[in-house]
PDB file of N, CA and C in Angstrom:
ATOM      1  N   MET A   1       6.214 259.272  40.768  1.00  0.00           N
ATOM      2  CA  MET A   1       5.388 258.665  41.864  1.00  0.00           C
ATOM      3  C   MET A   1       6.207 257.101  42.355  1.00  0.00           C
ATOM      4  N   PRO A   2       6.834 256.328  41.538  1.00  0.00           N
ATOM      5  CA  PRO A   2       7.466 255.060  42.109  1.00  0.00           C
ATOM      6  C   PRO A   2       8.155 255.233  42.959  1.00  0.00           C
ATOM      7  N   ILE A   3       8.619 254.248  44.003  1.00  0.00           N
ATOM      8  CA  ILE A   3       9.606 254.496  44.935  1.00  0.00           C
ATOM      9  C   ILE A   3      10.852 254.560  43.783  1.00  0.00           C
ATOM     10  N   THR A   4      11.760 255.162  44.424  1.00  0.00           N
ATOM     11  CA  THR A   4      13.088 255.210  43.835  1.00  0.00           C
ATOM     12  C   THR A   4      14.116 253.698  44.447  1.00  0.00           C
ATOM     13  N   LYS A   5      14.856 253.444  43.578  1.00  0.00           N
ATOM     14  CA  LYS A   5      15.804 252.420  44.206  1.00  0.00           C
ATOM     15  C   LYS A   5      16.195 252.323  45.576  1.00  0.00           C
ATOM     16  N   GLN A   6      17.137 253.390  45.530  1.00  0.00           N
ATOM     17  CA  GLN A   6      17.287 253.937  47.083  1.00  0.00           C
ATOM     18  C   GLN A   6      16.587 253.905  48.034  1.00  0.00           C
ATOM     19  N   LYS A   7      15.489 254.829  48.020  1.00  0.00           N
ATOM     20  CA  LYS A   7      14.719 254.715  48.870  1.00  0.00           C
ATOM     21  C   LYS A   7      13.826 253.386  49.163  1.00  0.00           C
ATOM     22  N   LYS A   8      14.133 252.431  48.668  1.00  0.00           N
ATOM     23  CA  LYS A   8      13.392 251.303  48.203  1.00  0.00           C
ATOM     24  C   LYS A   8      14.706 250.422  49.630  1.00  0.00           C
ATOM     25  N   GLN A   9      15.519 250.375  49.036  1.00  0.00           N
ATOM     26  CA  GLN A   9      16.752 249.712  49.752  1.00  0.00           C
ATOM     27  C   GLN A   9      17.210 249.869  51.081  1.00  0.00           C
ATOM     28  N   GLU A  10      16.685 251.506  51.548  1.00  0.00           N
ATOM     29  CA  GLU A  10      16.620 251.783  52.859  1.00  0.00           C
ATOM     30  C   GLU A  10      15.616 251.326  53.530  1.00  0.00           C
ATOM     31  N   LEU A  11      14.137 251.213  53.061  1.00  0.00           N
ATOM     32  CA  LEU A  11      13.150 250.772  53.424  1.00  0.00           C
ATOM     33  C   LEU A  11      13.609 249.273  53.946  1.00  0.00           C
ATOM     34  N   VAL A  12      14.012 248.945  52.951  1.00  0.00           N
ATOM     35  CA  VAL A  12      14.436 247.096  53.185  1.00  0.00           C
ATOM     36  C   VAL A  12      15.096 247.217  54.312  1.00  0.00           C
ATOM     37  N   LYS A  13      16.540 247.824  54.639  1.00  0.00           N
ATOM     38  CA  LYS A  13      17.248 247.738  55.306  1.00  0.00           C
ATOM     39  C   LYS A  13      16.895 247.858  56.964  1.00  0.00           C
ATOM     40  N   THR A  14      15.999 248.660  56.740  1.00  0.00           N
ATOM     41  CA  THR A  14      15.641 249.419  58.169  1.00  0.00           C
ATOM     42  C   THR A  14      14.520 248.270  58.990  1.00  0.00           C
ATOM     43  N   PHE A  15      13.866 247.452  57.842  1.00  0.00           N
ATOM     44  CA  PHE A  15      12.505 246.714  58.343  1.00  0.00           C
ATOM     45  C   PHE A  15      12.962 245.110  58.058  1.00  0.00           C
ATOM     46  N   GLN A  16      14.040 244.851  57.419  1.00  0.00           N
ATOM     47  CA  GLN A  16      14.538 243.429  57.298  1.00  0.00           C
ATOM     48  C   GLN A  16      14.791 242.591  59.066  1.00  0.00           C
ATOM     49  N   LYS A  17      14.478 241.360  58.906  1.00  0.00           N
ATOM     50  CA  LYS A  17      14.737 240.649  60.085  1.00  0.00           C
ATOM     51  C   LYS A  17      16.414 240.091  59.531  1.00  0.00           C
ATOM     52  N   ALA A  18      16.663 239.865  58.322  1.00  0.00           N
ATOM     53  CA  ALA A  18      18.004 239.105  58.101  1.00  0.00           C
ATOM     54  C   ALA A  18      18.466 239.915  57.101  1.00  0.00           C
ATOM     55  N   ASN A  19      19.769 239.185  56.641  1.00  0.00           N
ATOM     56  CA  ASN A  19      20.291 239.964  55.539  1.00  0.00           C
ATOM     57  C   ASN A  19      19.772 239.833  54.428  1.00  0.00           C
ATOM     58  N   ASN A  20      19.062 238.969  53.485  1.00  0.00           N
ATOM     59  CA  ASN A  20      18.490 238.676  52.684  1.00  0.00           C
ATOM     60  C   ASN A  20      16.957 238.439  52.662  1.00  0.00           C
ATOM     61  N   ASP A  21      16.375 239.244  53.663  1.00  0.00           N
ATOM     62  CA  ASP A  21      14.861 239.410  53.915  1.00  0.00           C
ATOM     63  C   ASP A  21      14.628 240.553  53.184  1.00  0.00           C
ATOM     64  N   THR A  22      13.633 240.448  52.186  1.00  0.00           N
ATOM     65  CA  THR A  22      13.057 241.296  51.688  1.00  0.00           C
ATOM     66  C   THR A  22      11.394 240.879  51.302  1.00  0.00           C
ATOM     67  N   GLY A  23      10.753 239.956  51.820  1.00  0.00           N
ATOM     68  CA  GLY A  23       9.764 239.347  51.931  1.00  0.00           C
ATOM     69  C   GLY A  23       8.667 239.130  53.259  1.00  0.00           C
ATOM     70  N   SER A  24       9.515 239.424  53.863  1.00  0.00           N
ATOM     71  CA  SER A  24       8.518 239.559  55.313  1.00  0.00           C
ATOM     72  C   SER A  24       7.541 240.558  55.428  1.00  0.00           C
ATOM     73  N   PRO A  25       6.651 239.922  56.157  1.00  0.00           N
ATOM     74  CA  PRO A  25       5.544 241.262  56.452  1.00  0.00           C
ATOM     75  C   PRO A  25       5.811 242.715  56.803  1.00  0.00           C
ATOM     76  N   GLU A  26       6.779 242.511  57.186  1.00  0.00           N
ATOM     77  CA  GLU A  26       7.587 244.113  57.692  1.00  0.00           C
ATOM     78  C   GLU A  26       7.983 245.045  56.445  1.00  0.00           C
ATOM     79  N   VAL A  27       8.551 244.154  55.940  1.00  0.00           N
ATOM     80  CA  VAL A  27       8.871 245.065  55.022  1.00  0.00           C
ATOM     81  C   VAL A  27       7.929 245.433  53.606  1.00  0.00           C
ATOM     82  N   GLN A  28       7.240 244.507  53.500  1.00  0.00           N
ATOM     83  CA  GLN A  28       5.986 244.803  52.572  1.00  0.00           C
ATOM     84  C   GLN A  28       5.037 245.867  52.951  1.00  0.00           C
ATOM     85  N   ILE A  29       4.795 246.000  54.395  1.00  0.00           N
ATOM     86  CA  ILE A  29       4.182 246.801  54.712  1.00  0.00           C
ATOM     87  C   ILE A  29       4.815 248.251  54.845  1.00  0.00           C
ATOM     88  N   ALA A  30       5.804 248.462  55.136  1.00  0.00           N
ATOM     89  CA  ALA A  30       6.768 249.406  55.096  1.00  0.00           C
ATOM     90  C   ALA A  30       7.000 250.012  53.331  1.00  0.00           C
ATOM     91  N   LEU A  31       7.095 249.149  52.559  1.00  0.00           N
ATOM     92  CA  LEU A  31       6.709 249.574  51.159  1.00  0.00           C
ATOM     93  C   LEU A  31       5.670 249.767  50.549  1.00  0.00           C
ATOM     94  N   ILE A  32       4.901 249.394  51.083  1.00  0.00           N
ATOM     95  CA  ILE A  32       3.119 249.640  50.934  1.00  0.00           C
ATOM     96  C   ILE A  32       2.981 250.925  51.403  1.00  0.00           C
ATOM     97  N   THR A  33       3.156 251.103  52.510  1.00  0.00           N
ATOM     98  CA  THR A  33       3.036 252.591  53.416  1.00  0.00           C
ATOM     99  C   THR A  33       3.625 253.442  52.569  1.00  0.00           C
ATOM    100  N   GLU A  34       4.892 253.521  52.189  1.00  0.00           N
ATOM    101  CA  GLU A  34       5.611 254.262  51.307  1.00  0.00           C
ATOM    102  C   GLU A  34       4.599 254.870  50.299  1.00  0.00           C
ATOM    103  N   ARG A  35       4.251 253.869  49.404  1.00  0.00           N
ATOM    104  CA  ARG A  35       3.610 254.090  48.251  1.00  0.00           C
ATOM    105  C   ARG A  35       2.157 254.570  48.272  1.00  0.00           C
ATOM    106  N   ILE A  36       1.682 254.420  49.363  1.00  0.00           N
ATOM    107  CA  ILE A  36       0.502 254.885  49.788  1.00  0.00           C
ATOM    108  C   ILE A  36       0.603 256.630  50.308  1.00  0.00           C
ATOM    109  N   ASN A  37       1.599 256.929  51.084  1.00  0.00           N
ATOM    110  CA  ASN A  37       1.896 258.195  51.408  1.00  0.00           C
ATOM    111  C   ASN A  37       2.325 259.308  50.054  1.00  0.00           C
ATOM    112  N   SER A  38       2.854 258.528  48.892  1.00  0.00           N
ATOM    113  CA  SER A  38       3.324 259.068  47.887  1.00  0.00           C
ATOM    114  C   SER A  38       2.029 259.329  47.365  1.00  0.00           C
ATOM    115  N   LEU A  39       1.207 258.577  46.764  1.00  0.00           N
ATOM    116  CA  LEU A  39       0.052 258.696  46.317  1.00  0.00           C
ATOM    117  C   LEU A  39      -0.817 259.666  46.999  1.00  0.00           C
ATOM    118  N   THR A  40      -0.798 259.654  48.173  1.00  0.00           N
ATOM    119  CA  THR A  40      -1.671 260.749  48.953  1.00  0.00           C
ATOM    120  C   THR A  40      -1.301 262.140  48.606  1.00  0.00           C
ATOM    121  N   GLY A  41       0.253 262.387  48.602  1.00  0.00           N
ATOM    122  CA  GLY A  41       0.505 263.564  48.025  1.00  0.00           C
ATOM    123  C   GLY A  41       0.273 263.954  46.622  1.00  0.00           C
ATOM    124  N   HIS A  42       0.103 262.855  45.811  1.00  0.00           N
ATOM    125  CA  HIS A  42      -0.215 263.023  44.448  1.00  0.00           C
ATOM    126  C   HIS A  42      -1.498 263.855  44.388  1.00  0.00           C
ATOM    127  N   PHE A  43      -2.677 263.234  45.013  1.00  0.00           N
ATOM    128  CA  PHE A  43      -4.138 263.420  45.111  1.00  0.00           C
ATOM    129  C   PHE A  43      -4.378 265.227  45.626  1.00  0.00           C
ATOM    130  N   LYS A  44      -3.347 265.614  46.436  1.00  0.00           N
ATOM    131  CA  LYS A  44      -3.684 266.944  46.728  1.00  0.00           C
ATOM    132  C   LYS A  44      -3.746 267.805  45.474  1.00  0.00           C
ATOM    133  N   HIS A  45      -2.967 267.056  44.403  1.00  0.00           N
ATOM    134  CA  HIS A  45      -2.643 268.039  43.125  1.00  0.00           C
ATOM    135  C   HIS A  45      -3.436 267.766  41.657  1.00  0.00           C
ATOM    136  N   HIS A  46      -3.993 266.496  42.301  1.00  0.00           N
ATOM    137  CA  HIS A  46      -4.758 265.750  40.940  1.00  0.00           C
ATOM    138  C   HIS A  46      -5.868 265.490  41.826  1.00  0.00           C
ATOM    139  N   VAL A  47      -7.172 266.104  41.818  1.00  0.00           N
ATOM    140  CA  VAL A  47      -8.101 265.559  42.683  1.00  0.00           C
ATOM    141  C   VAL A  47      -9.005 264.585  41.748  1.00  0.00           C
ATOM    142  N   ARG A  48      -9.082 264.789  40.222  1.00  0.00           N
ATOM    143  CA  ARG A  48     -10.152 264.190  39.695  1.00  0.00           C
ATOM    144  C   ARG A  48      -9.207 262.701  39.234  1.00  0.00           C
ATOM    145  N   ASP A  49      -8.084 262.389  39.959  1.00  0.00           N
ATOM    146  CA  ASP A  49      -7.485 261.123  39.177  1.00  0.00           C
ATOM    147  C   ASP A  49      -8.215 259.940  39.994  1.00  0.00           C
ATOM    148  N   HIS A  50      -9.187 259.406  39.387  1.00  0.00           N
ATOM    149  CA  HIS A  50     -10.185 258.642  39.884  1.00  0.00           C
ATOM    150  C   HIS A  50      -8.955 256.753  39.660  1.00  0.00           C
ATOM    151  N   HIS A  51      -8.452 256.947  38.362  1.00  0.00           N
ATOM    152  CA  HIS A  51      -7.737 255.656  38.222  1.00  0.00           C
ATOM    153  C   HIS A  51      -6.807 255.384  39.132  1.00  0.00           C
ATOM    154  N   SER A  52      -6.058 256.098  39.439  1.00  0.00           N
ATOM    155  CA  SER A  52      -5.294 256.150  40.630  1.00  0.00           C
ATOM    156  C   SER A  52      -5.382 256.008  41.741  1.00  0.00           C
ATOM    157  N   ARG A  53      -6.525 256.575  41.994  1.00  0.00           N
ATOM    158  CA  ARG A  53      -7.313 256.333  43.496  1.00  0.00           C
ATOM    159  C   ARG A  53      -7.811 254.883  43.564  1.00  0.00           C
ATOM    160  N   TYR A  54      -8.231 254.301  42.580  1.00  0.00           N
ATOM    161  CA  TYR A  54      -8.592 252.844  42.799  1.00  0.00           C
ATOM    162  C   TYR A  54      -6.962 251.975  42.949  1.00  0.00           C
ATOM    163  N   GLY A  55      -6.171 252.276  42.633  1.00  0.00           N
ATOM    164  CA  GLY A  55      -4.946 251.883  43.069  1.00  0.00           C
ATOM    165  C   GLY A  55      -4.590 251.906  44.459  1.00  0.00           C
ATOM    166  N   LEU A  56      -4.451 253.246  44.808  1.00  0.00           N
ATOM    167  CA  LEU A  56      -4.742 253.442  46.330  1.00  0.00           C
ATOM    168  C   LEU A  56      -5.659 252.643  47.193  1.00  0.00           C
ATOM    169  N   ILE A  57      -6.767 252.508  46.959  1.00  0.00           N
ATOM    170  CA  ILE A  57      -7.812 251.717  47.334  1.00  0.00           C
ATOM    171  C   ILE A  57      -7.140 250.383  47.681  1.00  0.00           C
ATOM    172  N   LYS A  58      -6.645 249.508  46.691  1.00  0.00           N
ATOM    173  CA  LYS A  58      -6.007 248.365  46.688  1.00  0.00           C
ATOM    174  C   LYS A  58      -4.921 248.287  47.653  1.00  0.00           C
ATOM    175  N   LEU A  59      -4.140 249.332  47.548  1.00  0.00           N
ATOM    176  CA  LEU A  59      -2.666 249.513  48.162  1.00  0.00           C
ATOM    177  C   LEU A  59      -3.277 249.346  49.753  1.00  0.00           C
ATOM    178  N   VAL A  60      -4.180 250.039  49.900  1.00  0.00           N
ATOM    179  CA  VAL A  60      -4.884 249.875  51.603  1.00  0.00           C
ATOM    180  C   VAL A  60      -5.144 248.650  51.972  1.00  0.00           C
ATOM    181  N   SER A  61      -6.003 248.071  51.158  1.00  0.00           N
ATOM    182  CA  SER A  61      -6.462 246.637  51.281  1.00  0.00           C
ATOM    183  C   SER A  61      -5.469 245.869  51.688  1.00  0.00           C
ATOM    184  N   ASP A  62      -4.367 245.615  50.701  1.00  0.00           N
ATOM    185  CA  ASP A  62      -3.090 244.849  50.550  1.00  0.00           C
ATOM    186  C   ASP A  62      -2.628 244.966  52.170  1.00  0.00           C
ATOM    187  N   ARG A  63      -2.320 246.316  52.422  1.00  0.00           N
ATOM    188  CA  ARG A  63      -1.845 246.607  53.899  1.00  0.00           C
ATOM    189  C   ARG A  63      -2.325 246.475  54.948  1.00  0.00           C
ATOM    190  N   LYS A  64      -3.846 246.390  54.953  1.00  0.00           N
ATOM    191  CA  LYS A  64      -4.488 245.936  55.719  1.00  0.00           C
ATOM    192  C   LYS A  64      -4.463 244.519  56.012  1.00  0.00           C
ATOM    193  N   ARG A  65      -4.456 243.647  55.125  1.00  0.00           N
ATOM    194  CA  ARG A  65      -4.663 242.429  55.017  1.00  0.00           C
ATOM    195  C   ARG A  65      -3.141 241.666  55.517  1.00  0.00           C
ATOM    196  N   LEU A  66      -2.135 242.192  55.265  1.00  0.00           N
ATOM    197  CA  LEU A  66      -1.005 242.279  55.816  1.00  0.00           C
ATOM    198  C   LEU A  66      -0.781 242.314  57.306  1.00  0.00           C
ATOM    199  N   LEU A  67      -1.313 243.824  57.722  1.00  0.00           N
ATOM    200  CA  LEU A  67      -1.401 243.756  59.051  1.00  0.00           C
ATOM    201  C   LEU A  67      -1.995 242.921  59.886  1.00  0.00           C
ATOM    202  N   LYS A  68      -3.465 242.696  59.479  1.00  0.00           N
ATOM    203  CA  LYS A  68      -4.081 241.414  60.237  1.00  0.00           C
ATOM    204  C   LYS A  68      -3.312 240.240  60.111  1.00  0.00           C
ATOM    205  N   TYR A  69      -2.621 239.742  59.249  1.00  0.00           N
ATOM    206  CA  TYR A  69      -1.733 238.579  59.487  1.00  0.00           C
ATOM    207  C   TYR A  69      -0.600 238.648  60.476  1.00  0.00           C
ATOM    208  N   LEU A  70      -0.232 239.772  60.468  1.00  0.00           N
ATOM    209  CA  LEU A  70       1.186 239.866  61.035  1.00  0.00           C
ATOM    210  C   LEU A  70       0.492 240.029  62.798  1.00  0.00           C
ATOM    211  N   LYS A  71      -0.678 240.694  63.123  1.00  0.00           N
ATOM    212  CA  LYS A  71      -1.371 240.865  64.232  1.00  0.00           C
ATOM    213  C   LYS A  71      -1.751 239.136  64.878  1.00  0.00           C
ATOM    214  N   ASN A  72      -2.316 238.428  63.875  1.00  0.00           N
ATOM    215  CA  ASN A  72      -2.574 236.939  64.408  1.00  0.00           C
ATOM    216  C   ASN A  72      -1.303 235.971  64.620  1.00  0.00           C
ATOM    217  N   THR A  73      -0.269 236.607  63.952  1.00  0.00           N
ATOM    218  CA  THR A  73       0.665 235.403  63.992  1.00  0.00           C
ATOM    219  C   THR A  73       1.888 235.829  64.926  1.00  0.00           C
ATOM    220  N   SER A  74       1.870 237.480  65.322  1.00  0.00           N
ATOM    221  CA  SER A  74       2.930 237.960  66.315  1.00  0.00           C
ATOM    222  C   SER A  74       2.564 239.192  66.444  1.00  0.00           C
ATOM    223  N   PRO A  75       1.997 239.264  67.778  1.00  0.00           N
ATOM    224  CA  PRO A  75       1.371 240.801  67.887  1.00  0.00           C
ATOM    225  C   PRO A  75       2.549 241.796  68.347  1.00  0.00           C
ATOM    226  N   GLU A  76       3.585 240.828  69.065  1.00  0.00           N
ATOM    227  CA  GLU A  76       4.650 242.014  69.113  1.00  0.00           C
ATOM    228  C   GLU A  76       5.582 242.626  67.695  1.00  0.00           C
ATOM    229  N   ARG A  77       5.532 241.959  67.104  1.00  0.00           N
ATOM    230  CA  ARG A  77       5.849 242.339  65.780  1.00  0.00           C
ATOM    231  C   ARG A  77       4.932 243.641  65.127  1.00  0.00           C
ATOM    232  N   TYR A  78       3.621 243.137  65.409  1.00  0.00           N
ATOM    233  CA  TYR A  78       2.722 243.728  65.062  1.00  0.00           C
ATOM    234  C   TYR A  78       2.539 245.254  65.574  1.00  0.00           C
ATOM    235  N   GLU A  79       2.541 245.309  66.713  1.00  0.00           N
ATOM    236  CA  GLU A  79       2.802 246.521  67.529  1.00  0.00           C
ATOM    237  C   GLU A  79       4.002 247.364  67.235  1.00  0.00           C
ATOM    238  N   LYS A  80       5.236 246.937  67.057  1.00  0.00           N
ATOM    239  CA  LYS A  80       6.458 247.067  66.819  1.00  0.00           C
ATOM    240  C   LYS A  80       6.398 248.025  65.112  1.00  0.00           C
ATOM    241  N   ILE A  81       5.653 247.523  64.237  1.00  0.00           N
ATOM    242  CA  ILE A  81       5.647 248.081  62.889  1.00  0.00           C
ATOM    243  C   ILE A  81       4.702 249.292  62.831  1.00  0.00           C
ATOM    244  N   LEU A  82       3.727 249.170  63.956  1.00  0.00           N
ATOM    245  CA  LEU A  82       2.766 250.032  64.053  1.00  0.00           C
ATOM    246  C   LEU A  82       3.412 251.311  64.444  1.00  0.00           C
ATOM    247  N   GLU A  83       3.959 250.963  65.638  1.00  0.00           N
ATOM    248  CA  GLU A  83       5.018 252.299  66.208  1.00  0.00           C
ATOM    249  C   GLU A  83       6.276 252.942  65.200  1.00  0.00           C
ATOM    250  N   LYS A  84       6.602 252.001  64.483  1.00  0.00           N
ATOM    251  CA  LYS A  84       7.554 252.540  63.520  1.00  0.00           C
ATOM    252  C   LYS A  84       7.026 253.450  62.478  1.00  0.00           C
ATOM    253  N   LEU A  85       6.277 252.834  61.700  1.00  0.00           N
ATOM    254  CA  LEU A  85       5.359 253.533  60.808  1.00  0.00           C
ATOM    255  C   LEU A  85       4.568 254.836  61.299  1.00  0.00           C
ATOM    256  N   ASP A  86       4.342 254.666  62.366  1.00  0.00           N
ATOM    257  CA  ASP A  86       3.325 256.092  63.039  1.00  0.00           C
ATOM    258  C   ASP A  86       1.706 255.449  62.399  1.00  0.00           C
ATOM    259  N   LEU A  87       1.311 254.433  62.348  1.00  0.00           N
ATOM    260  CA  LEU A  87       0.140 254.177  61.957  1.00  0.00           C
ATOM    261  C   LEU A  87      -0.684 254.018  63.272  1.00  0.00           C
ATOM    262  N   ARG A  88      -2.157 253.893  62.970  1.00  0.00           N
ATOM    263  CA  ARG A  88      -3.064 253.880  63.718  1.00  0.00           C
ATOM    264  C   ARG A  88      -2.698 254.843  65.034  1.00  0.00           C
ATOM    265  N   LYS A  89      -3.110 256.026  64.507  1.00  0.00           N
ATOM    266  CA  LYS A  89      -2.870 257.154  65.814  1.00  0.00           C
ATOM    267  C   LYS A  89      -3.924 257.169  66.700  1.00  0.00           C
TER     268      LYS A  89
END
């Protein structure tokens, strides 16, 4: 279930603003989205895994908070990240 090191590096390279940028909202949102997608697939096989479902709810809440921050500070970056990650269909 955890993200592999290689996949994490790919996501960071895709969404970073500078060479050493690993903590910008875009990178964090991308990493959280990847974890949410993997957990969603996990629940197709393990329907009764309520403990992990609680973790999923926390991840969704964290992503929502980061998206709200990005929307308030930089609307153009917000729109770009939504388009790249295919969120808010």
